[in-house]
Amino acid sequence: MKVNPTEFDWTPSTANTDGTPLAMGEITGYEIGIRPASGIPGSYPLSVPIADPAATKEALTAAYAAGLAVLKDGDYQSAIRTVGPVDSAFTAESDASAFSIVTPLPVPQAPTGFTLA
């Protein structure tokens, strides 16, 4: 399980569920759903909308990172779907889409003025 993920990847859709190719404008963006691992599978109380279907992976990763910034420490599950005039189903949840948020403990500064007395 990834801890404090900063990147993600997926393969964009190229066809509809009936096998026909996607037409121009069918995908207007993506939505990443995030839920606590202890929550109901397939329910995503936090979603990260990505309104540009042609956005670079870097821009999408930045949107994802912003969504993760509001999460408390814990284990989570995530999925992605296409958004358009008709939204797709979310991808299946798997170990590859599970992650943990862990806030690192602050590191104290080293003492100063150390000398032998």
PDB file of N, CA and C in Angstrom:
ATOM      1  N   MET A   1       0.854  -1.172   0.000  1.00  0.00           N
ATOM      2  CA  MET A   1       0.000   0.000   0.000  1.00  0.00           C
ATOM      3  C   MET A   1       0.899   1.234   0.000  1.00  0.00           C
ATOM      4  N   LYS A   2       0.590   2.165  -0.868  1.00  0.00           N
ATOM      5  CA  LYS A   2       1.350   3.410  -0.947  1.00  0.00           C
ATOM      6  C   LYS A   2       1.061   4.274   0.282  1.00  0.00           C
ATOM      7  N   VAL A   3       2.062   5.005   0.720  1.00  0.00           N
ATOM      8  CA  VAL A   3       1.913   5.940   1.833  1.00  0.00           C
ATOM      9  C   VAL A   3       2.134   7.348   1.285  1.00  0.00           C
ATOM     10  N   ASN A   4       1.211   8.247   1.597  1.00  0.00           N
ATOM     11  CA  ASN A   4       1.272   9.635   1.140  1.00  0.00           C
ATOM     12  C   ASN A   4       1.564   9.726  -0.362  1.00  0.00           C
ATOM     13  N   PRO A   5       0.687   9.145  -1.193  1.00  0.00           N
ATOM     14  CA  PRO A   5       0.960   9.121  -2.636  1.00  0.00           C
ATOM     15  C   PRO A   5       0.999  10.530  -3.222  1.00  0.00           C
ATOM     16  N   THR A   6       1.838  10.703  -4.227  1.00  0.00           N
ATOM     17  CA  THR A   6       1.940  12.000  -4.894  1.00  0.00           C
ATOM     18  C   THR A   6       1.679  11.894  -6.392  1.00  0.00           C
ATOM     19  N   GLU A   7       1.582  10.687  -6.922  1.00  0.00           N
ATOM     20  CA  GLU A   7       1.333  10.491  -8.342  1.00  0.00           C
ATOM     21  C   GLU A   7       0.325   9.372  -8.546  1.00  0.00           C
ATOM     22  N   PHE A   8      -0.306   9.381  -9.710  1.00  0.00           N
ATOM     23  CA  PHE A   8      -1.204   8.301 -10.073  1.00  0.00           C
ATOM     24  C   PHE A   8      -1.180   8.146 -11.586  1.00  0.00           C
ATOM     25  N   ASP A   9      -1.739   7.062 -12.060  1.00  0.00           N
ATOM     26  CA  ASP A   9      -1.738   6.800 -13.493  1.00  0.00           C
ATOM     27  C   ASP A   9      -2.979   5.987 -13.851  1.00  0.00           C
ATOM     28  N   TRP A  10      -3.436   6.098 -15.058  1.00  0.00           N
ATOM     29  CA  TRP A  10      -4.534   5.282 -15.563  1.00  0.00           C
ATOM     30  C   TRP A  10      -4.485   5.326 -17.082  1.00  0.00           C
ATOM     31  N   THR A  11      -5.226   4.439 -17.705  1.00  0.00           N
ATOM     32  CA  THR A  11      -5.333   4.411 -19.157  1.00  0.00           C
ATOM     33  C   THR A  11      -6.685   4.995 -19.541  1.00  0.00           C
ATOM     34  N   PRO A  12      -6.705   6.086 -20.288  1.00  0.00           N
ATOM     35  CA  PRO A  12      -7.982   6.704 -20.673  1.00  0.00           C
ATOM     36  C   PRO A  12      -8.852   5.758 -21.497  1.00  0.00           C
ATOM     37  N   SER A  13     -10.152   5.936 -21.389  1.00  0.00           N
ATOM     38  CA  SER A  13     -11.107   5.144 -22.167  1.00  0.00           C
ATOM     39  C   SER A  13     -11.018   5.500 -23.645  1.00  0.00           C
ATOM     40  N   THR A  14     -11.244   4.522 -24.495  1.00  0.00           N
ATOM     41  CA  THR A  14     -11.280   4.769 -25.938  1.00  0.00           C
ATOM     42  C   THR A  14     -12.593   4.309 -26.563  1.00  0.00           C
ATOM     43  N   ALA A  15     -13.435   3.636 -25.755  1.00  0.00           N
ATOM     44  CA  ALA A  15     -14.690   3.097 -26.291  1.00  0.00           C
ATOM     45  C   ALA A  15     -15.792   3.176 -25.235  1.00  0.00           C
ATOM     46  N   ASN A  16     -17.021   3.051 -25.700  1.00  0.00           N
ATOM     47  CA  ASN A  16     -18.183   2.951 -24.815  1.00  0.00           C
ATOM     48  C   ASN A  16     -18.336   1.502 -24.363  1.00  0.00           C
ATOM     49  N   THR A  17     -19.216   1.272 -23.391  1.00  0.00           N
ATOM     50  CA  THR A  17     -19.413  -0.088 -22.891  1.00  0.00           C
ATOM     51  C   THR A  17     -19.975  -1.023 -23.949  1.00  0.00           C
ATOM     52  N   ASP A  18     -20.616  -0.481 -24.990  1.00  0.00           N
ATOM     53  CA  ASP A  18     -21.140  -1.339 -26.065  1.00  0.00           C
ATOM     54  C   ASP A  18     -20.099  -1.601 -27.150  1.00  0.00           C
ATOM     55  N   GLY A  19     -18.863  -1.086 -26.960  1.00  0.00           N
ATOM     56  CA  GLY A  19     -17.784  -1.322 -27.910  1.00  0.00           C
ATOM     57  C   GLY A  19     -17.623  -0.252 -28.969  1.00  0.00           C
ATOM     58  N   THR A  20     -18.571   0.666 -29.082  1.00  0.00           N
ATOM     59  CA  THR A  20     -18.442   1.724 -30.078  1.00  0.00           C
ATOM     60  C   THR A  20     -17.379   2.720 -29.632  1.00  0.00           C
ATOM     61  N   PRO A  21     -16.662   3.317 -30.590  1.00  0.00           N
ATOM     62  CA  PRO A  21     -15.623   4.278 -30.212  1.00  0.00           C
ATOM     63  C   PRO A  21     -16.235   5.533 -29.585  1.00  0.00           C
ATOM     64  N   LEU A  22     -15.468   6.155 -28.708  1.00  0.00           N
ATOM     65  CA  LEU A  22     -15.921   7.404 -28.097  1.00  0.00           C
ATOM     66  C   LEU A  22     -15.992   8.499 -29.152  1.00  0.00           C
ATOM     67  N   ALA A  23     -17.045   9.298 -29.095  1.00  0.00           N
ATOM     68  CA  ALA A  23     -17.191  10.442 -29.991  1.00  0.00           C
ATOM     69  C   ALA A  23     -16.586  11.670 -29.318  1.00  0.00           C
ATOM     70  N   MET A  24     -16.247  12.661 -30.115  1.00  0.00           N
ATOM     71  CA  MET A  24     -15.705  13.914 -29.602  1.00  0.00           C
ATOM     72  C   MET A  24     -16.681  14.505 -28.581  1.00  0.00           C
ATOM     73  N   GLY A  25     -16.197  14.886 -27.428  1.00  0.00           N
ATOM     74  CA  GLY A  25     -17.033  15.514 -26.409  1.00  0.00           C
ATOM     75  C   GLY A  25     -17.680  14.556 -25.434  1.00  0.00           C
ATOM     76  N   GLU A  26     -17.541  13.240 -25.662  1.00  0.00           N
ATOM     77  CA  GLU A  26     -18.145  12.289 -24.720  1.00  0.00           C
ATOM     78  C   GLU A  26     -17.455  12.309 -23.368  1.00  0.00           C
ATOM     79  N   ILE A  27     -16.161  12.600 -23.361  1.00  0.00           N
ATOM     80  CA  ILE A  27     -15.447  12.727 -22.096  1.00  0.00           C
ATOM     81  C   ILE A  27     -15.115  14.198 -21.902  1.00  0.00           C
ATOM     82  N   THR A  28     -15.646  14.778 -20.819  1.00  0.00           N
ATOM     83  CA  THR A  28     -15.380  16.184 -20.522  1.00  0.00           C
ATOM     84  C   THR A  28     -14.431  16.341 -19.337  1.00  0.00           C
ATOM     85  N   GLY A  29     -14.061  15.232 -18.725  1.00  0.00           N
ATOM     86  CA  GLY A  29     -13.138  15.273 -17.599  1.00  0.00           C
ATOM     87  C   GLY A  29     -13.120  13.936 -16.884  1.00  0.00           C
ATOM     88  N   TYR A  30     -12.575  13.958 -15.684  1.00  0.00           N
ATOM     89  CA  TYR A  30     -12.470  12.758 -14.856  1.00  0.00           C
ATOM     90  C   TYR A  30     -12.857  13.106 -13.425  1.00  0.00           C
ATOM     91  N   GLU A  31     -13.171  12.107 -12.644  1.00  0.00           N
ATOM     92  CA  GLU A  31     -13.457  12.292 -11.224  1.00  0.00           C
ATOM     93  C   GLU A  31     -12.775  11.166 -10.458  1.00  0.00           C
ATOM     94  N   ILE A  32     -11.976  11.560  -9.484  1.00  0.00           N
ATOM     95  CA  ILE A  32     -11.345  10.581  -8.617  1.00  0.00           C
ATOM     96  C   ILE A  32     -12.157  10.522  -7.336  1.00  0.00           C
ATOM     97  N   GLY A  33     -12.628   9.328  -6.990  1.00  0.00           N
ATOM     98  CA  GLY A  33     -13.382   9.128  -5.757  1.00  0.00           C
ATOM     99  C   GLY A  33     -12.469   8.562  -4.676  1.00  0.00           C
ATOM    100  N   ILE A  34     -12.610   9.081  -3.463  1.00  0.00           N
ATOM    101  CA  ILE A  34     -11.782   8.639  -2.336  1.00  0.00           C
ATOM    102  C   ILE A  34     -12.698   8.351  -1.158  1.00  0.00           C
ATOM    103  N   ARG A  35     -12.462   7.207  -0.501  1.00  0.00           N
ATOM    104  CA  ARG A  35     -13.248   6.851   0.677  1.00  0.00           C
ATOM    105  C   ARG A  35     -12.326   6.238   1.725  1.00  0.00           C
ATOM    106  N   PRO A  36     -12.704   6.334   3.005  1.00  0.00           N
ATOM    107  CA  PRO A  36     -11.942   5.605   4.023  1.00  0.00           C
ATOM    108  C   PRO A  36     -12.026   4.108   3.737  1.00  0.00           C
ATOM    109  N   ALA A  37     -10.952   3.379   3.992  1.00  0.00           N
ATOM    110  CA  ALA A  37     -10.937   1.933   3.742  1.00  0.00           C
ATOM    111  C   ALA A  37     -12.020   1.224   4.537  1.00  0.00           C
ATOM    112  N   SER A  38     -12.415   1.799   5.663  1.00  0.00           N
ATOM    113  CA  SER A  38     -13.459   1.181   6.487  1.00  0.00           C
ATOM    114  C   SER A  38     -14.863   1.529   6.001  1.00  0.00           C
ATOM    115  N   GLY A  39     -14.963   2.375   4.982  1.00  0.00           N
ATOM    116  CA  GLY A  39     -16.269   2.796   4.471  1.00  0.00           C
ATOM    117  C   GLY A  39     -16.898   1.764   3.554  1.00  0.00           C
ATOM    118  N   ILE A  40     -17.994   2.150   2.961  1.00  0.00           N
ATOM    119  CA  ILE A  40     -18.747   1.264   2.074  1.00  0.00           C
ATOM    120  C   ILE A  40     -18.070   1.224   0.707  1.00  0.00           C
ATOM    121  N   PRO A  41     -17.684   0.030   0.220  1.00  0.00           N
ATOM    122  CA  PRO A  41     -17.056  -0.065  -1.095  1.00  0.00           C
ATOM    123  C   PRO A  41     -17.918   0.597  -2.174  1.00  0.00           C
ATOM    124  N   GLY A  42     -17.264   1.368  -3.037  1.00  0.00           N
ATOM    125  CA  GLY A  42     -17.972   2.029  -4.125  1.00  0.00           C
ATOM    126  C   GLY A  42     -18.602   3.358  -3.764  1.00  0.00           C
ATOM    127  N   SER A  43     -18.578   3.747  -2.481  1.00  0.00           N
ATOM    128  CA  SER A  43     -19.117   5.054  -2.081  1.00  0.00           C
ATOM    129  C   SER A  43     -17.932   5.986  -1.836  1.00  0.00           C
ATOM    130  N   TYR A  44     -17.988   7.186  -2.391  1.00  0.00           N
ATOM    131  CA  TYR A  44     -16.851   8.097  -2.320  1.00  0.00           C
ATOM    132  C   TYR A  44     -17.287   9.457  -1.779  1.00  0.00           C
ATOM    133  N   PRO A  45     -17.170   9.653  -0.455  1.00  0.00           N
ATOM    134  CA  PRO A  45     -17.586  10.931   0.120  1.00  0.00           C
ATOM    135  C   PRO A  45     -16.710  12.106  -0.303  1.00  0.00           C
ATOM    136  N   LEU A  46     -15.497  11.832  -0.770  1.00  0.00           N
ATOM    137  CA  LEU A  46     -14.629  12.893  -1.277  1.00  0.00           C
ATOM    138  C   LEU A  46     -14.375  12.616  -2.742  1.00  0.00           C
ATOM    139  N   SER A  47     -14.591  13.618  -3.573  1.00  0.00           N
ATOM    140  CA  SER A  47     -14.274  13.441  -4.989  1.00  0.00           C
ATOM    141  C   SER A  47     -13.438  14.613  -5.459  1.00  0.00           C
ATOM    142  N   VAL A  48     -12.562  14.321  -6.390  1.00  0.00           N
ATOM    143  CA  VAL A  48     -11.678  15.323  -6.972  1.00  0.00           C
ATOM    144  C   VAL A  48     -12.050  15.443  -8.446  1.00  0.00           C
ATOM    145  N   PRO A  49     -12.797  16.507  -8.814  1.00  0.00           N
ATOM    146  CA  PRO A  49     -13.154  16.658 -10.223  1.00  0.00           C
ATOM    147  C   PRO A  49     -11.982  17.218 -11.023  1.00  0.00           C
ATOM    148  N   ILE A  50     -11.831  16.730 -12.231  1.00  0.00           N
ATOM    149  CA  ILE A  50     -10.796  17.197 -13.140  1.00  0.00           C
ATOM    150  C   ILE A  50     -11.521  17.550 -14.436  1.00  0.00           C
ATOM    151  N   ALA A  51     -11.702  18.845 -14.680  1.00  0.00           N
ATOM    152  CA  ALA A  51     -12.609  19.299 -15.730  1.00  0.00           C
ATOM    153  C   ALA A  51     -12.012  19.336 -17.127  1.00  0.00           C
ATOM    154  N   ASP A  52     -10.766  18.955 -17.301  1.00  0.00           N
ATOM    155  CA  ASP A  52     -10.140  19.034 -18.616  1.00  0.00           C
ATOM    156  C   ASP A  52      -9.707  17.651 -19.072  1.00  0.00           C
ATOM    157  N   PRO A  53     -10.384  17.062 -20.059  1.00  0.00           N
ATOM    158  CA  PRO A  53     -10.016  15.711 -20.492  1.00  0.00           C
ATOM    159  C   PRO A  53      -8.642  15.643 -21.155  1.00  0.00           C
ATOM    160  N   ALA A  54      -8.109  16.776 -21.592  1.00  0.00           N
ATOM    161  CA  ALA A  54      -6.804  16.791 -22.251  1.00  0.00           C
ATOM    162  C   ALA A  54      -5.696  17.261 -21.305  1.00  0.00           C
ATOM    163  N   ALA A  55      -6.006  17.405 -20.026  1.00  0.00           N
ATOM    164  CA  ALA A  55      -5.004  17.887 -19.069  1.00  0.00           C
ATOM    165  C   ALA A  55      -3.830  16.922 -18.994  1.00  0.00           C
ATOM    166  N   THR A  56      -2.677  17.456 -18.709  1.00  0.00           N
ATOM    167  CA  THR A  56      -1.482  16.621 -18.586  1.00  0.00           C
ATOM    168  C   THR A  56      -1.554  15.819 -17.295  1.00  0.00           C
ATOM    169  N   LYS A  57      -0.814  14.724 -17.235  1.00  0.00           N
ATOM    170  CA  LYS A  57      -0.768  13.917 -16.010  1.00  0.00           C
ATOM    171  C   LYS A  57      -0.272  14.760 -14.837  1.00  0.00           C
ATOM    172  N   GLU A  58       0.624  15.726 -15.111  1.00  0.00           N
ATOM    173  CA  GLU A  58       1.134  16.585 -14.047  1.00  0.00           C
ATOM    174  C   GLU A  58       0.010  17.425 -13.453  1.00  0.00           C
ATOM    175  N   ALA A  59      -0.855  17.992 -14.307  1.00  0.00           N
ATOM    176  CA  ALA A  59      -1.969  18.803 -13.829  1.00  0.00           C
ATOM    177  C   ALA A  59      -2.965  17.940 -13.056  1.00  0.00           C
ATOM    178  N   LEU A  60      -3.202  16.737 -13.546  1.00  0.00           N
ATOM    179  CA  LEU A  60      -4.122  15.839 -12.867  1.00  0.00           C
ATOM    180  C   LEU A  60      -3.553  15.416 -11.519  1.00  0.00           C
ATOM    181  N   THR A  61      -2.252  15.177 -11.469  1.00  0.00           N
ATOM    182  CA  THR A  61      -1.607  14.805 -10.210  1.00  0.00           C
ATOM    183  C   THR A  61      -1.704  15.950  -9.218  1.00  0.00           C
ATOM    184  N   ALA A  62      -1.573  17.189  -9.673  1.00  0.00           N
ATOM    185  CA  ALA A  62      -1.690  18.342  -8.786  1.00  0.00           C
ATOM    186  C   ALA A  62      -3.105  18.422  -8.197  1.00  0.00           C
ATOM    187  N   ALA A  63      -4.121  18.165  -9.016  1.00  0.00           N
ATOM    188  CA  ALA A  63      -5.500  18.172  -8.517  1.00  0.00           C
ATOM    189  C   ALA A  63      -5.704  17.064  -7.492  1.00  0.00           C
ATOM    190  N   TYR A  64      -5.142  15.905  -7.760  1.00  0.00           N
ATOM    191  CA  TYR A  64      -5.240  14.763  -6.847  1.00  0.00           C
ATOM    192  C   TYR A  64      -4.553  15.085  -5.519  1.00  0.00           C
ATOM    193  N   ALA A  65      -3.364  15.668  -5.586  1.00  0.00           N
ATOM    194  CA  ALA A  65      -2.616  16.017  -4.372  1.00  0.00           C
ATOM    195  C   ALA A  65      -3.407  17.027  -3.542  1.00  0.00           C
ATOM    196  N   ALA A  66      -4.070  17.979  -4.204  1.00  0.00           N
ATOM    197  CA  ALA A  66      -4.879  18.953  -3.478  1.00  0.00           C
ATOM    198  C   ALA A  66      -6.032  18.262  -2.759  1.00  0.00           C
ATOM    199  N   GLY A  67      -6.624  17.257  -3.385  1.00  0.00           N
ATOM    200  CA  GLY A  67      -7.701  16.503  -2.745  1.00  0.00           C
ATOM    201  C   GLY A  67      -7.205  15.725  -1.542  1.00  0.00           C
ATOM    202  N   LEU A  68      -6.021  15.145  -1.646  1.00  0.00           N
ATOM    203  CA  LEU A  68      -5.464  14.372  -0.537  1.00  0.00           C
ATOM    204  C   LEU A  68      -5.100  15.254   0.649  1.00  0.00           C
ATOM    205  N   ALA A  69      -4.823  16.531   0.406  1.00  0.00           N
ATOM    206  CA  ALA A  69      -4.391  17.432   1.478  1.00  0.00           C
ATOM    207  C   ALA A  69      -5.446  17.592   2.576  1.00  0.00           C
ATOM    208  N   VAL A  70      -6.703  17.315   2.271  1.00  0.00           N
ATOM    209  CA  VAL A  70      -7.760  17.476   3.278  1.00  0.00           C
ATOM    210  C   VAL A  70      -7.986  16.212   4.105  1.00  0.00           C
ATOM    211  N   LEU A  71      -7.300  15.124   3.767  1.00  0.00           N
ATOM    212  CA  LEU A  71      -7.521  13.855   4.462  1.00  0.00           C
ATOM    213  C   LEU A  71      -6.749  13.777   5.774  1.00  0.00           C
ATOM    214  N   LYS A  72      -7.339  13.118   6.745  1.00  0.00           N
ATOM    215  CA  LYS A  72      -6.674  12.840   8.010  1.00  0.00           C
ATOM    216  C   LYS A  72      -5.880  11.549   7.882  1.00  0.00           C
ATOM    217  N   ASP A  73      -4.993  11.289   8.828  1.00  0.00           N
ATOM    218  CA  ASP A  73      -4.235  10.046   8.818  1.00  0.00           C
ATOM    219  C   ASP A  73      -5.180   8.849   8.779  1.00  0.00           C
ATOM    220  N   GLY A  74      -4.852   7.858   7.976  1.00  0.00           N
ATOM    221  CA  GLY A  74      -5.674   6.661   7.881  1.00  0.00           C
ATOM    222  C   GLY A  74      -5.466   5.955   6.561  1.00  0.00           C
ATOM    223  N   ASP A  75      -6.223   4.887   6.366  1.00  0.00           N
ATOM    224  CA  ASP A  75      -6.171   4.088   5.143  1.00  0.00           C
ATOM    225  C   ASP A  75      -7.355   4.447   4.256  1.00  0.00           C
ATOM    226  N   TYR A  76      -7.098   4.524   2.951  1.00  0.00           N
ATOM    227  CA  TYR A  76      -8.111   4.954   1.994  1.00  0.00           C
ATOM    228  C   TYR A  76      -8.119   4.055   0.770  1.00  0.00           C
ATOM    229  N   GLN A  77      -9.215   4.141   0.038  1.00  0.00           N
ATOM    230  CA  GLN A  77      -9.391   3.445  -1.228  1.00  0.00           C
ATOM    231  C   GLN A  77      -9.793   4.504  -2.246  1.00  0.00           C
ATOM    232  N   SER A  78      -9.391   4.335  -3.499  1.00  0.00           N
ATOM    233  CA  SER A  78      -9.739   5.318  -4.515  1.00  0.00           C
ATOM    234  C   SER A  78     -10.087   4.634  -5.834  1.00  0.00           C
ATOM    235  N   ALA A  79     -10.746   5.393  -6.691  1.00  0.00           N
ATOM    236  CA  ALA A  79     -11.142   4.928  -8.020  1.00  0.00           C
ATOM    237  C   ALA A  79     -11.301   6.154  -8.912  1.00  0.00           C
ATOM    238  N   ILE A  80     -11.355   5.935 -10.214  1.00  0.00           N
ATOM    239  CA  ILE A  80     -11.515   7.045 -11.160  1.00  0.00           C
ATOM    240  C   ILE A  80     -12.611   6.691 -12.156  1.00  0.00           C
ATOM    241  N   ARG A  81     -13.281   7.716 -12.675  1.00  0.00           N
ATOM    242  CA  ARG A  81     -14.271   7.501 -13.733  1.00  0.00           C
ATOM    243  C   ARG A  81     -14.212   8.658 -14.717  1.00  0.00           C
ATOM    244  N   THR A  82     -14.728   8.419 -15.910  1.00  0.00           N
ATOM    245  CA  THR A  82     -14.845   9.493 -16.885  1.00  0.00           C
ATOM    246  C   THR A  82     -16.124  10.266 -16.601  1.00  0.00           C
ATOM    247  N   VAL A  83     -16.078  11.548 -16.903  1.00  0.00           N
ATOM    248  CA  VAL A  83     -17.221  12.435 -16.720  1.00  0.00           C
ATOM    249  C   VAL A  83     -17.574  13.005 -18.081  1.00  0.00           C
ATOM    250  N   GLY A  84     -18.850  13.117 -18.343  1.00  0.00           N
ATOM    251  CA  GLY A  84     -19.322  13.680 -19.604  1.00  0.00           C
ATOM    252  C   GLY A  84     -20.826  13.830 -19.544  1.00  0.00           C
ATOM    253  N   PRO A  85     -21.451  13.904 -20.689  1.00  0.00           N
ATOM    254  CA  PRO A  85     -22.911  13.914 -20.684  1.00  0.00           C
ATOM    255  C   PRO A  85     -23.465  12.682 -19.952  1.00  0.00           C
ATOM    256  N   VAL A  86     -22.744  11.563 -20.052  1.00  0.00           N
ATOM    257  CA  VAL A  86     -23.050  10.361 -19.276  1.00  0.00           C
ATOM    258  C   VAL A  86     -21.744   9.928 -18.608  1.00  0.00           C
ATOM    259  N   ASP A  87     -21.766   9.812 -17.273  1.00  0.00           N
ATOM    260  CA  ASP A  87     -20.563   9.406 -16.540  1.00  0.00           C
ATOM    261  C   ASP A  87     -20.394   7.898 -16.592  1.00  0.00           C
ATOM    262  N   SER A  88     -19.134   7.448 -16.636  1.00  0.00           N
ATOM    263  CA  SER A  88     -18.865   6.009 -16.578  1.00  0.00           C
ATOM    264  C   SER A  88     -18.976   5.537 -15.134  1.00  0.00           C
ATOM    265  N   ALA A  89     -18.898   4.250 -14.954  1.00  0.00           N
ATOM    266  CA  ALA A  89     -18.780   3.695 -13.601  1.00  0.00           C
ATOM    267  C   ALA A  89     -17.363   3.985 -13.110  1.00  0.00           C
ATOM    268  N   PHE A  90     -17.173   3.945 -11.791  1.00  0.00           N
ATOM    269  CA  PHE A  90     -15.831   4.055 -11.246  1.00  0.00           C
ATOM    270  C   PHE A  90     -15.064   2.769 -11.555  1.00  0.00           C
ATOM    271  N   THR A  91     -13.747   2.872 -11.667  1.00  0.00           N
ATOM    272  CA  THR A  91     -12.918   1.694 -11.832  1.00  0.00           C
ATOM    273  C   THR A  91     -13.054   0.815 -10.590  1.00  0.00           C
ATOM    274  N   ALA A  92     -12.718  -0.441 -10.736  1.00  0.00           N
ATOM    275  CA  ALA A  92     -12.764  -1.354  -9.589  1.00  0.00           C
ATOM    276  C   ALA A  92     -11.689  -0.958  -8.581  1.00  0.00           C
ATOM    277  N   GLU A  93     -12.014  -1.111  -7.313  1.00  0.00           N
ATOM    278  CA  GLU A  93     -11.029  -0.869  -6.264  1.00  0.00           C
ATOM    279  C   GLU A  93     -10.089  -2.071  -6.193  1.00  0.00           C
ATOM    280  N   SER A  94      -8.830  -1.803  -5.903  1.00  0.00           N
ATOM    281  CA  SER A  94      -7.851  -2.878  -5.796  1.00  0.00           C
ATOM    282  C   SER A  94      -6.741  -2.445  -4.849  1.00  0.00           C
ATOM    283  N   ASP A  95      -5.814  -3.336  -4.610  1.00  0.00           N
ATOM    284  CA  ASP A  95      -4.647  -2.983  -3.801  1.00  0.00           C
ATOM    285  C   ASP A  95      -3.878  -1.834  -4.442  1.00  0.00           C
ATOM    286  N   ALA A  96      -3.910  -1.763  -5.766  1.00  0.00           N
ATOM    287  CA  ALA A  96      -3.176  -0.714  -6.473  1.00  0.00           C
ATOM    288  C   ALA A  96      -3.798   0.668  -6.278  1.00  0.00           C
ATOM    289  N   SER A  97      -5.061   0.734  -5.854  1.00  0.00           N
ATOM    290  CA  SER A  97      -5.698   2.033  -5.637  1.00  0.00           C
ATOM    291  C   SER A  97      -5.898   2.333  -4.152  1.00  0.00           C
ATOM    292  N   ALA A  98      -5.294   1.515  -3.292  1.00  0.00           N
ATOM    293  CA  ALA A  98      -5.362   1.740  -1.847  1.00  0.00           C
ATOM    294  C   ALA A  98      -4.140   2.538  -1.405  1.00  0.00           C
ATOM    295  N   PHE A  99      -4.323   3.405  -0.420  1.00  0.00           N
ATOM    296  CA  PHE A  99      -3.200   4.187   0.075  1.00  0.00           C
ATOM    297  C   PHE A  99      -3.435   4.578   1.530  1.00  0.00           C
ATOM    298  N   SER A 100      -2.375   5.028   2.168  1.00  0.00           N
ATOM    299  CA  SER A 100      -2.439   5.511   3.549  1.00  0.00           C
ATOM    300  C   SER A 100      -1.936   6.941   3.593  1.00  0.00           C
ATOM    301  N   ILE A 101      -2.536   7.727   4.462  1.00  0.00           N
ATOM    302  CA  ILE A 101      -2.049   9.069   4.754  1.00  0.00           C
ATOM    303  C   ILE A 101      -1.415   9.005   6.136  1.00  0.00           C
ATOM    304  N   VAL A 102      -0.169   9.403   6.230  1.00  0.00           N
ATOM    305  CA  VAL A 102       0.557   9.406   7.497  1.00  0.00           C
ATOM    306  C   VAL A 102       1.250  10.761   7.615  1.00  0.00           C
ATOM    307  N   THR A 103       0.878  11.509   8.638  1.00  0.00           N
ATOM    308  CA  THR A 103       1.515  12.802   8.870  1.00  0.00           C
ATOM    309  C   THR A 103       2.831  12.557   9.585  1.00  0.00           C
ATOM    310  N   PRO A 104       3.934  12.982   8.983  1.00  0.00           N
ATOM    311  CA  PRO A 104       5.220  12.753   9.653  1.00  0.00           C
ATOM    312  C   PRO A 104       5.323  13.580  10.926  1.00  0.00           C
ATOM    313  N   LEU A 105       5.987  13.012  11.918  1.00  0.00           N
ATOM    314  CA  LEU A 105       6.213  13.746  13.161  1.00  0.00           C
ATOM    315  C   LEU A 105       7.228  14.850  12.904  1.00  0.00           C
ATOM    316  N   PRO A 106       7.075  15.996  13.577  1.00  0.00           N
ATOM    317  CA  PRO A 106       8.059  17.062  13.382  1.00  0.00           C
ATOM    318  C   PRO A 106       9.417  16.633  13.928  1.00  0.00           C
ATOM    319  N   VAL A 107      10.466  17.080  13.263  1.00  0.00           N
ATOM    320  CA  VAL A 107      11.830  16.761  13.681  1.00  0.00           C
ATOM    321  C   VAL A 107      12.389  17.975  14.424  1.00  0.00           C
ATOM    322  N   PRO A 108      12.789  17.792  15.691  1.00  0.00           N
ATOM    323  CA  PRO A 108      13.318  18.943  16.428  1.00  0.00           C
ATOM    324  C   PRO A 108      14.675  19.372  15.886  1.00  0.00           C
ATOM    325  N   GLN A 109      14.950  20.646  16.059  1.00  0.00           N
ATOM    326  CA  GLN A 109      16.271  21.142  15.680  1.00  0.00           C
ATOM    327  C   GLN A 109      17.306  20.587  16.659  1.00  0.00           C
ATOM    328  N   ALA A 110      18.535  20.482  16.183  1.00  0.00           N
ATOM    329  CA  ALA A 110      19.622  20.030  17.063  1.00  0.00           C
ATOM    330  C   ALA A 110      19.929  21.135  18.082  1.00  0.00           C
ATOM    331  N   PRO A 111      20.415  20.735  19.258  1.00  0.00           N
ATOM    332  CA  PRO A 111      20.820  21.752  20.242  1.00  0.00           C
ATOM    333  C   PRO A 111      21.930  22.626  19.663  1.00  0.00           C
ATOM    334  N   THR A 112      22.104  23.778  20.234  1.00  0.00           N
ATOM    335  CA  THR A 112      23.177  24.682  19.805  1.00  0.00           C
ATOM    336  C   THR A 112      24.093  24.984  20.973  1.00  0.00           C
ATOM    337  N   GLY A 113      25.225  25.546  20.686  1.00  0.00           N
ATOM    338  CA  GLY A 113      26.170  25.983  21.712  1.00  0.00           C
ATOM    339  C   GLY A 113      26.781  24.861  22.525  1.00  0.00           C
ATOM    340  N   PHE A 114      26.960  23.716  21.938  1.00  0.00           N
ATOM    341  CA  PHE A 114      27.508  22.563  22.676  1.00  0.00           C
ATOM    342  C   PHE A 114      29.010  22.740  22.901  1.00  0.00           C
ATOM    343  N   THR A 115      29.429  22.683  24.126  1.00  0.00           N
ATOM    344  CA  THR A 115      30.851  22.769  24.464  1.00  0.00           C
ATOM    345  C   THR A 115      31.122  21.849  25.644  1.00  0.00           C
ATOM    346  N   LEU A 116      32.379  21.558  25.884  1.00  0.00           N
ATOM    347  CA  LEU A 116      32.765  20.806  27.077  1.00  0.00           C
ATOM    348  C   LEU A 116      32.922  21.795  28.219  1.00  0.00           C
ATOM    349  N   ALA A 117      32.399  21.450  29.365  1.00  0.00           N
ATOM    350  CA  ALA A 117      32.479  22.388  30.503  1.00  0.00           C
ATOM    351  C   ALA A 117      33.697  22.064  31.358  1.00  0.00           C
TER     352      ALA A 117
END
